[in-house]
Each structure stands twice: as C-alpha cells, then as structure tokens.
C-alpha cells in the first residue's frame, strides 16, 4: 500500500482524508499492524487508483515473506 501511495505522491494524511480514516490507521495498515476491512480495501483501492485485487495481492505477497 505504501508503494502505491508514494507512486501517487500522496502523504498518509492525504490518503486518510480520501478514505475517511485517521492517519494513524493508515500508518498501522502500511506497517502490517492492522488489517483493512473489505470496505476499507475498496476505499483504499479507489483512492490509490488500483483494483482491489491488485492491492490485496500486494498485501498477500508481503505476508508470505
């Protein structure tokens, strides 16, 4: 998620505003300390301009390491 956010030139604060979440939640998602709800996956994907499956694939790949 962080990679997609940085590619869009967005800060955590900007992303949090777009998905109606607090910045600390975005930080926790990016660090893997929290997992997004299905609704949040769709919000994040829309804000980042990617398909939800693409976003989840990146998360799954990170978890497999």
Protein backbone atom coordinates (compact mmCIF):
# COMPACT_ATOMS: atom_id res chain seq x y z
CA UNK A 1 0.00 0.00 0.00
CA UNK A 2 2.82 2.38 0.86
CA UNK A 3 4.33 1.88 -2.61
CA UNK A 4 1.07 2.77 -4.34
CA UNK A 5 0.62 5.81 -2.08
CA UNK A 6 4.12 7.07 -2.77
CA UNK A 7 3.71 6.49 -6.52
CA UNK A 8 0.66 8.77 -6.36
CA UNK A 9 2.70 11.37 -4.46
CA UNK A 10 0.33 11.25 -1.50
CA UNK A 11 1.05 11.63 2.18
CA UNK A 12 -0.58 9.38 4.76
CA UNK A 13 -2.66 12.38 5.80
CA UNK A 14 -3.95 12.94 2.25
CA UNK A 15 -4.82 9.26 1.85
CA UNK A 16 -6.54 9.17 5.23
CA UNK A 17 -8.72 12.13 4.23
CA UNK A 18 -9.74 10.45 0.97
CA UNK A 19 -10.73 7.19 2.64
CA UNK A 20 -12.27 8.84 5.72
CA UNK A 21 -9.85 7.34 8.23
CA UNK A 22 -7.38 8.75 10.71
CA UNK A 23 -3.74 8.97 9.68
CA UNK A 24 -2.64 6.58 12.42
CA UNK A 25 -4.89 3.89 10.92
CA UNK A 26 -3.17 4.31 7.55
CA UNK A 27 0.19 4.04 9.31
CA UNK A 28 -0.88 0.84 11.07
CA UNK A 29 -2.13 -0.64 7.78
CA UNK A 30 1.10 0.16 6.00
CA UNK A 31 3.19 -1.35 8.77
CA UNK A 32 1.07 -4.50 8.86
CA UNK A 33 -0.05 -3.98 12.45
CA UNK A 34 -3.71 -3.73 11.35
CA UNK A 35 -5.61 -5.38 8.51
CA UNK A 36 -8.18 -3.42 6.48
CA UNK A 37 -11.84 -4.29 6.38
CA UNK A 38 -13.26 -5.21 3.00
CA UNK A 39 -14.90 -1.79 2.78
CA UNK A 40 -11.58 -0.12 3.51
CA UNK A 41 -9.85 -2.20 0.82
CA UNK A 42 -12.28 -0.81 -1.75
CA UNK A 43 -11.84 2.76 -0.46
CA UNK A 44 -8.06 2.47 -0.49
CA UNK A 45 -8.00 0.94 -3.96
CA UNK A 46 -10.20 3.72 -5.34
CA UNK A 47 -8.08 6.43 -3.71
CA UNK A 48 -4.86 4.85 -4.97
CA UNK A 49 -6.19 4.19 -8.47
CA UNK A 50 -5.71 0.42 -8.39
CA UNK A 51 -8.04 -2.57 -8.46
CA UNK A 52 -8.92 -4.02 -5.05
CA UNK A 53 -7.45 -7.38 -6.08
CA UNK A 54 -4.18 -5.73 -7.04
CA UNK A 55 -3.98 -4.08 -3.63
CA UNK A 56 -4.78 -7.35 -1.85
CA UNK A 57 -2.25 -9.23 -3.97
CA UNK A 58 0.49 -6.88 -2.81
CA UNK A 59 -0.56 -7.37 0.81
CA UNK A 60 -0.66 -11.17 0.41
CA UNK A 61 2.81 -11.20 -1.16
CA UNK A 62 4.18 -9.24 1.78
CA UNK A 63 2.60 -11.62 4.28
CA UNK A 64 4.13 -14.65 2.55
CA UNK A 65 7.67 -13.39 3.14
